[in-house]
């Protein structure tokens, strides 16, 4: 008999469709049950102690209150504002105001001499009264006299002072010739500009006092400065010649007037003298005439003697009648005072006086 044996058959092959069908036939797997929900445990809250809150409030209040102390320097004043409105002005020293935001303080310097330059120091062309152009620079010195008006009446006080100062200087230079600005009248122009600027600022009521205006430079334009210098030299020569002529006139005219006055006085004196002499001679002649009519011989003899005395007074030699009719009656007279002095006698040798 033939031998029997078992053949090894291969395992059946399962297709994917068969696997999907198997899963479909399998009972569903139940989902795991969710744990029961429980409420979270409550944690206990701890509050801030009331004492700490009170201490913090006290500290904050103390710091806020201490912020109201302020110091005013000697050149300042304190302008106190309450909610933006001026309420008081404080003098230099330690002061107090309600802390911010109730009150604030402004500290303007009222004794400080402020200085502004017209045109920020640049050269500014200006027109003079005789229609010439000059290049001028000026400095304005001012200070605060009313801090409240200075702070609240004008928005930008320095800009107002600068613009008003330039306007005042232009106005004054425009009323003066160019020679006034180039000569010794520059200070007069500066004083007039200061007065004009002060009136202008007072009209704005801004609490500013102008202490001075200084013209630092007043020159003709650079392009024509050479020609202008030639004209100025010619004018200087003209002025010098005029001054010399006036000086000569001031010297010669008083002397001429004095000489004329002297001649006039001498003439008047001579006139008075001649008139008086003539009047005296006429009166004397009238007297002699009356005396001659009364006593002709005596008056004639007197006139003869007076005439001979007048004639012989200056004669050095007298000639007498040689007949001796008159000489016998004359007394010899030797004028010793008119004789020359005798020469001194020399001393004998060997003898000393």
Protein backbone atom coordinates (compact mmCIF):
# COMPACT_ATOMS: atom_id res chain seq x y z
CA UNK A 1 0.00 0.00 0.00
CA UNK A 2 1.21 3.08 -0.87
CA UNK A 3 2.63 5.20 1.84
CA UNK A 4 0.28 7.90 3.21
CA UNK A 5 1.52 11.33 4.10
CA UNK A 6 0.10 14.79 4.82
CA UNK A 7 0.85 17.60 2.56
CA UNK A 8 1.78 20.95 4.17
CA UNK A 9 -0.73 23.38 2.78
CA UNK A 10 0.08 27.01 2.97
CA UNK A 11 -1.88 29.31 5.41
CA UNK A 12 -4.81 31.08 3.83
CA UNK A 13 -4.12 34.73 2.81
CA UNK A 14 -6.48 37.31 4.38
CA UNK A 15 -7.23 40.27 2.19
CA UNK A 16 -7.70 43.74 3.54
CA UNK A 17 -11.37 43.69 2.73
CA UNK A 18 -11.71 40.64 4.92
CA UNK A 19 -9.90 42.46 7.82
CA UNK A 20 -12.21 45.43 7.50
CA UNK A 21 -15.17 43.13 7.60
CA UNK A 22 -13.87 41.42 10.68
CA UNK A 23 -13.53 44.73 12.50
CA UNK A 24 -16.99 45.62 11.56
CA UNK A 25 -18.31 42.42 13.03
CA UNK A 26 -16.35 42.88 16.29
CA UNK A 27 -18.29 44.50 19.15
CA UNK A 28 -17.23 48.09 19.95
CA UNK A 29 -14.72 48.62 22.73
CA UNK A 30 -16.24 50.77 25.46
CA UNK A 31 -14.43 54.16 26.27
CA UNK A 32 -12.85 54.52 29.68
CA UNK A 33 -15.06 56.28 32.16
CA UNK A 34 -14.11 59.97 32.99
CA UNK A 35 -13.20 60.68 36.57
CA UNK A 36 -15.83 62.59 38.51
CA UNK A 37 -15.38 66.44 38.62
CA UNK A 38 -14.53 67.85 41.99
CA UNK A 39 -14.42 71.62 43.01
CA UNK A 40 -10.91 73.11 43.58
CA UNK A 41 -10.00 73.64 47.16
CA UNK A 42 -10.51 77.20 48.47
CA UNK A 43 -7.33 79.10 49.60
CA UNK A 44 -7.53 81.63 52.43
CA UNK A 45 -6.72 85.38 51.53
CA UNK A 46 -4.61 87.57 53.89
CA UNK A 47 -5.47 91.42 53.93
CA UNK A 48 -2.95 94.46 54.27
CA UNK A 49 -2.84 95.66 57.82
CA UNK A 50 -4.63 98.99 58.39
CA UNK A 51 -1.65 100.38 60.28
CA UNK A 52 0.62 99.97 57.25
CA UNK A 53 -1.89 101.73 55.00
CA UNK A 54 -2.18 104.63 57.46
CA UNK A 55 1.61 104.94 57.79
CA UNK A 56 2.01 105.03 54.00
CA UNK A 57 -0.64 107.73 53.70
CA UNK A 58 1.01 109.79 56.43
CA UNK A 59 4.41 109.49 54.73
CA UNK A 60 3.03 110.46 51.33
CA UNK A 61 1.21 113.43 52.85
CA UNK A 62 4.36 114.57 54.67
CA UNK A 63 6.48 114.39 51.52
CA UNK A 64 3.80 116.22 49.53
CA UNK A 65 3.50 118.92 52.18
CA UNK A 66 7.28 119.36 52.46
CA UNK A 67 7.52 119.96 48.71
CA UNK A 68 5.94 123.38 49.29
CA UNK A 69 9.09 124.86 50.84
CA UNK A 70 11.20 126.93 48.44
CA UNK A 71 14.02 129.46 48.63
CA UNK A 72 14.07 132.87 46.95
CA UNK A 73 17.56 134.16 46.09
CA UNK A 74 18.58 137.79 46.83
CA UNK A 75 18.23 138.78 43.17
CA UNK A 76 14.81 137.11 42.81
CA UNK A 77 11.20 137.47 43.93
CA UNK A 78 8.72 134.66 44.34
CA UNK A 79 5.51 134.94 42.33
CA UNK A 80 3.01 132.47 43.82
CA UNK A 81 0.28 131.09 41.56
CA UNK A 82 -2.81 129.33 42.91
CA UNK A 83 -4.41 127.17 40.25
CA UNK A 84 -2.65 129.33 37.64
CA UNK A 85 -3.69 132.71 39.13
CA UNK A 86 -1.32 135.11 40.88
CA UNK A 87 -2.03 135.43 44.59
CA UNK A 88 1.15 136.73 46.25
CA UNK A 89 4.70 137.97 45.77
CA UNK A 90 7.36 136.75 48.17
CA UNK A 91 10.61 138.44 49.18
CA UNK A 92 14.04 136.71 49.25
CA UNK A 93 14.49 133.98 51.83
CA UNK A 94 12.83 130.68 52.78
CA UNK A 95 9.12 130.63 51.95
CA UNK A 96 6.25 128.18 51.71
CA UNK A 97 3.33 127.66 49.36
CA UNK A 98 0.69 125.00 48.98
CA UNK A 99 2.26 122.04 47.19
CA UNK A 100 1.69 121.26 43.54
CA UNK A 101 -0.83 121.20 41.90
CA UNK A 102 -2.62 123.67 44.18
CA UNK A 103 0.08 126.35 44.09
CA UNK A 104 3.26 126.88 42.08
CA UNK A 105 5.96 129.57 42.26
CA UNK A 106 7.94 131.45 39.59
CA UNK A 107 11.31 133.05 40.42
CA UNK A 108 12.17 135.90 38.02
CA UNK A 109 15.47 137.78 38.57
CA UNK A 110 14.48 141.40 39.19
CA UNK A 111 17.95 142.86 39.88
CA UNK A 112 19.75 141.20 37.00
CA UNK A 113 20.92 143.61 34.27
CA UNK A 114 19.78 141.91 31.08
CA UNK A 115 21.39 142.67 27.72
CA UNK A 116 19.97 142.20 24.25
CA UNK A 117 21.61 142.94 20.92
CA UNK A 118 19.58 144.20 18.00
CA UNK A 119 19.60 141.68 15.19
CA UNK A 120 21.34 139.15 17.46
CA UNK A 121 24.59 141.07 17.04
CA UNK A 122 24.49 141.15 13.24
CA UNK A 123 24.88 144.38 11.29
CA UNK A 124 21.50 145.99 10.55
CA UNK A 125 21.07 148.46 7.63
CA UNK A 126 19.20 151.62 8.65
CA UNK A 127 18.06 154.74 6.78
CA UNK A 128 19.13 158.16 8.11
CA UNK A 129 17.28 161.46 7.98
CA UNK A 130 19.27 162.69 4.97
CA UNK A 131 18.43 159.50 3.01
CA UNK A 132 21.76 157.74 3.55
CA UNK A 133 22.21 154.12 4.60
CA UNK A 134 24.30 153.13 7.61
CA UNK A 135 25.12 149.76 9.12
CA UNK A 136 24.42 149.88 12.84
CA UNK A 137 24.57 147.53 15.82
CA UNK A 138 23.18 148.37 19.24
CA UNK A 139 22.86 146.78 22.67
CA UNK A 140 19.88 147.26 25.00
CA UNK A 141 20.26 147.00 28.79
CA UNK A 142 17.09 146.40 30.81
CA UNK A 143 15.77 144.91 34.03
CA UNK A 144 12.45 143.83 35.53
CA UNK A 145 10.64 146.37 37.71
CA UNK A 146 7.28 144.56 38.04
CA UNK A 147 7.56 140.75 37.93
CA UNK A 148 3.79 140.17 37.73
CA UNK A 149 3.38 142.35 34.62
CA UNK A 150 6.57 140.89 33.15
CA UNK A 151 5.28 137.32 33.50
CA UNK A 152 1.62 137.70 32.53
CA UNK A 153 1.12 140.78 30.31
CA UNK A 154 3.45 139.68 27.49
CA UNK A 155 4.01 136.21 26.09
CA UNK A 156 7.71 136.60 25.16
CA UNK A 157 9.19 139.67 26.94
CA UNK A 158 12.71 139.33 25.52
CA UNK A 159 11.44 139.18 21.95
CA UNK A 160 9.24 142.23 22.60
CA UNK A 161 12.20 144.20 24.02
CA UNK A 162 14.39 143.23 21.05
CA UNK A 163 11.81 144.16 18.42
CA UNK A 164 10.76 147.38 20.16
CA UNK A 165 14.42 148.35 20.67
CA UNK A 166 15.22 147.91 17.00
CA UNK A 167 12.14 149.98 16.10
CA UNK A 168 13.17 152.79 18.49
CA UNK A 169 16.76 152.90 17.19
CA UNK A 170 15.57 152.93 13.57
CA UNK A 171 13.15 155.77 14.34
CA UNK A 172 15.74 157.95 16.07
CA UNK A 173 18.41 157.38 13.40
CA UNK A 174 15.78 158.14 10.75
CA UNK A 175 15.26 161.61 12.24
CA UNK A 176 18.99 162.47 12.33
CA UNK A 177 21.50 163.00 9.50
CA UNK A 178 24.27 160.50 8.92
CA UNK A 179 26.88 162.89 10.28
CA UNK A 180 25.17 162.89 13.67
CA UNK A 181 25.57 159.13 13.98
CA UNK A 182 29.22 159.23 12.95
CA UNK A 183 30.27 162.14 15.18
CA UNK A 184 30.09 162.92 18.87
CA UNK A 185 26.26 163.04 18.76
CA UNK A 186 26.06 159.25 18.95
CA UNK A 187 25.39 159.35 22.69
CA UNK A 188 22.56 161.84 22.14
CA UNK A 189 20.97 159.44 19.64
CA UNK A 190 21.35 156.58 22.13
CA UNK A 191 19.64 158.61 24.88
CA UNK A 192 16.76 159.53 22.58
CA UNK A 193 16.39 155.87 21.58
CA UNK A 194 16.28 154.82 25.25
CA UNK A 195 13.54 157.35 26.02
CA UNK A 196 11.55 156.26 22.98
CA UNK A 197 11.92 152.57 23.84
CA UNK A 198 10.85 153.16 27.45
CA UNK A 199 7.68 154.95 26.32
CA UNK A 200 6.93 152.10 23.92
CA UNK A 201 7.38 149.41 26.59
CA UNK A 202 5.31 151.40 29.09
CA UNK A 203 2.47 151.42 26.57
CA UNK A 204 2.63 147.60 26.59
CA UNK A 205 2.52 147.63 30.43
CA UNK A 206 5.10 144.85 30.62
CA UNK A 207 6.97 145.91 33.79
CA UNK A 208 10.41 146.53 32.24
CA UNK A 209 12.83 149.43 32.83
CA UNK A 210 15.36 150.26 30.09
CA UNK A 211 18.61 151.28 31.77
CA UNK A 212 20.54 152.13 28.62
CA UNK A 213 20.94 151.87 24.86
CA UNK A 214 24.46 151.67 23.44
CA UNK A 215 25.24 152.24 19.76
CA UNK A 216 28.17 149.94 19.24
CA UNK A 217 28.69 150.64 15.54
CA UNK A 218 27.40 153.19 13.05
CA UNK A 219 29.28 152.98 9.75
CA UNK A 220 28.48 153.49 6.08
CA UNK A 221 28.07 150.37 3.92
CA UNK A 222 31.28 148.51 3.14
CA UNK A 223 30.84 148.92 -0.62
CA UNK A 224 31.02 152.74 -0.47
CA UNK A 225 33.12 153.26 2.64
CA UNK A 226 36.18 154.53 0.69
CA UNK A 227 34.20 157.20 -1.15
CA UNK A 228 32.43 158.08 2.06
CA UNK A 229 35.76 158.52 3.86
CA UNK A 230 36.91 160.90 1.12
CA UNK A 231 33.77 162.96 1.58
CA UNK A 232 34.25 162.95 5.32
CA UNK A 233 37.86 164.12 4.99
CA UNK A 234 36.73 166.96 2.73
CA UNK A 235 34.07 167.91 5.23
CA UNK A 236 36.62 167.74 8.02
CA UNK A 237 38.92 170.10 6.10
CA UNK A 238 36.01 172.44 5.51
CA UNK A 239 35.08 172.33 9.15
CA UNK A 240 38.68 172.94 10.19
CA UNK A 241 38.98 175.98 7.88
CA UNK A 242 35.69 177.30 9.22
CA UNK A 243 36.83 176.83 12.78
CA UNK A 244 40.12 178.60 12.09
CA UNK A 245 38.27 181.51 10.50
CA UNK A 246 35.87 181.71 13.41
CA UNK A 247 38.78 181.55 15.86
CA UNK A 248 40.55 184.38 14.02
CA UNK A 249 37.34 186.38 14.01
CA UNK A 250 36.84 185.77 17.73
CA UNK A 251 40.42 186.95 18.30
CA UNK A 252 40.54 190.05 16.07
CA UNK A 253 37.04 191.40 16.56
CA UNK A 254 37.31 191.96 20.34
CA UNK A 255 40.66 193.66 19.90
CA UNK A 256 39.28 195.88 17.14
CA UNK A 257 36.26 196.74 19.24
CA UNK A 258 38.52 197.50 22.20
CA UNK A 259 40.77 199.72 20.08
CA UNK A 260 37.76 201.56 18.67
CA UNK A 261 36.36 202.05 22.15
CA UNK A 262 39.71 203.38 23.39
CA UNK A 263 39.97 205.88 20.52
CA UNK A 264 36.40 206.96 21.13
CA UNK A 265 37.04 207.51 24.82
CA UNK A 266 40.26 209.41 24.12
CA UNK A 267 38.42 211.62 21.64
CA UNK A 268 35.68 212.29 24.14
CA UNK A 269 38.25 213.11 26.81
CA UNK A 270 40.11 215.45 24.47
CA UNK A 271 36.85 217.13 23.55
CA UNK A 272 35.97 217.66 27.18
CA UNK A 273 39.47 218.95 27.88
CA UNK A 274 39.47 221.43 24.98
CA UNK A 275 35.98 222.63 25.79
CA UNK A 276 36.88 223.11 29.44
CA UNK A 277 40.13 224.93 28.57
CA UNK A 278 38.34 227.13 26.07
CA UNK A 279 35.60 227.83 28.57
CA UNK A 280 38.17 228.70 31.22
CA UNK A 281 40.14 230.93 28.83
CA UNK A 282 36.98 232.71 27.79
CA UNK A 283 35.96 233.25 31.40
CA UNK A 284 39.48 234.49 32.27
CA UNK A 285 39.52 236.81 29.26
CA UNK A 286 36.15 238.22 30.28
CA UNK A 287 37.47 238.83 33.79
CA UNK A 288 40.62 240.53 32.48
CA UNK A 289 38.57 242.60 30.09
CA UNK A 290 36.43 243.87 32.91
CA UNK A 291 39.51 244.54 35.07
CA UNK A 292 41.25 246.38 32.18
CA UNK A 293 38.30 248.66 31.70
CA UNK A 294 38.38 249.50 35.37
CA UNK A 295 42.21 249.88 35.81
CA UNK A 296 43.97 249.86 32.45
CA UNK A 297 47.52 250.63 33.68
CA UNK A 298 47.58 248.10 36.47
CA UNK A 299 46.01 245.41 34.35
CA UNK A 300 48.34 246.11 31.45
CA UNK A 301 51.38 245.98 33.74
CA UNK A 302 50.14 242.68 35.16
CA UNK A 303 49.62 241.23 31.75
CA UNK A 304 53.10 242.33 30.72
CA UNK A 305 54.69 240.72 33.77
CA UNK A 306 52.77 237.48 33.35
CA UNK A 307 53.79 237.30 29.71
CA UNK A 308 57.45 237.95 30.44
CA UNK A 309 57.40 235.37 33.21
CA UNK A 310 55.96 232.82 30.86
CA UNK A 311 58.50 233.65 28.15
CA UNK A 312 61.59 233.88 30.35
CA UNK A 313 60.76 230.80 32.41
CA UNK A 314 62.42 228.46 29.93
CA UNK A 315 65.27 230.80 28.89
CA UNK A 316 68.80 229.79 29.93
CA UNK A 317 70.37 233.19 29.07
CA UNK A 318 69.10 236.63 29.98
CA UNK A 319 70.43 239.75 28.21
CA UNK A 320 70.17 242.99 30.16
CA UNK A 321 70.24 246.56 28.94
CA UNK A 322 73.94 247.63 28.70
CA UNK A 323 73.10 251.17 29.66
CA UNK A 324 72.68 250.13 33.22
CA UNK A 325 69.43 251.83 33.66
CA UNK A 326 67.86 248.66 34.82
CA UNK A 327 70.90 246.64 35.87
CA UNK A 328 71.73 248.93 38.79
CA UNK A 329 68.57 247.87 40.44
CA UNK A 330 69.24 244.13 40.00
CA UNK A 331 70.78 241.97 42.72
CA UNK A 332 73.46 239.52 41.50
CA UNK A 333 72.32 235.93 41.86
CA UNK A 334 74.42 232.81 41.47
CA UNK A 335 72.39 229.56 41.07
CA UNK A 336 74.56 227.22 43.07
CA UNK A 337 72.17 224.28 42.65
CA UNK A 338 72.80 224.29 38.90
CA UNK A 339 76.60 224.49 39.07
CA UNK A 340 78.48 221.27 38.16
CA UNK A 341 79.96 219.38 41.12
CA UNK A 342 83.73 219.68 41.70
CA UNK A 343 85.82 216.58 40.89
CA UNK A 344 87.17 214.66 43.94
CA UNK A 345 90.72 215.48 45.07
CA UNK A 346 93.11 212.48 44.72
CA UNK A 347 94.75 211.35 47.94
CA UNK A 348 98.53 211.83 48.46
CA UNK A 349 100.66 208.72 47.98
CA UNK A 350 101.49 206.88 51.13
CA UNK A 351 98.59 208.30 53.06
CA UNK A 352 95.35 206.58 53.70
CA UNK A 353 92.24 208.40 54.54
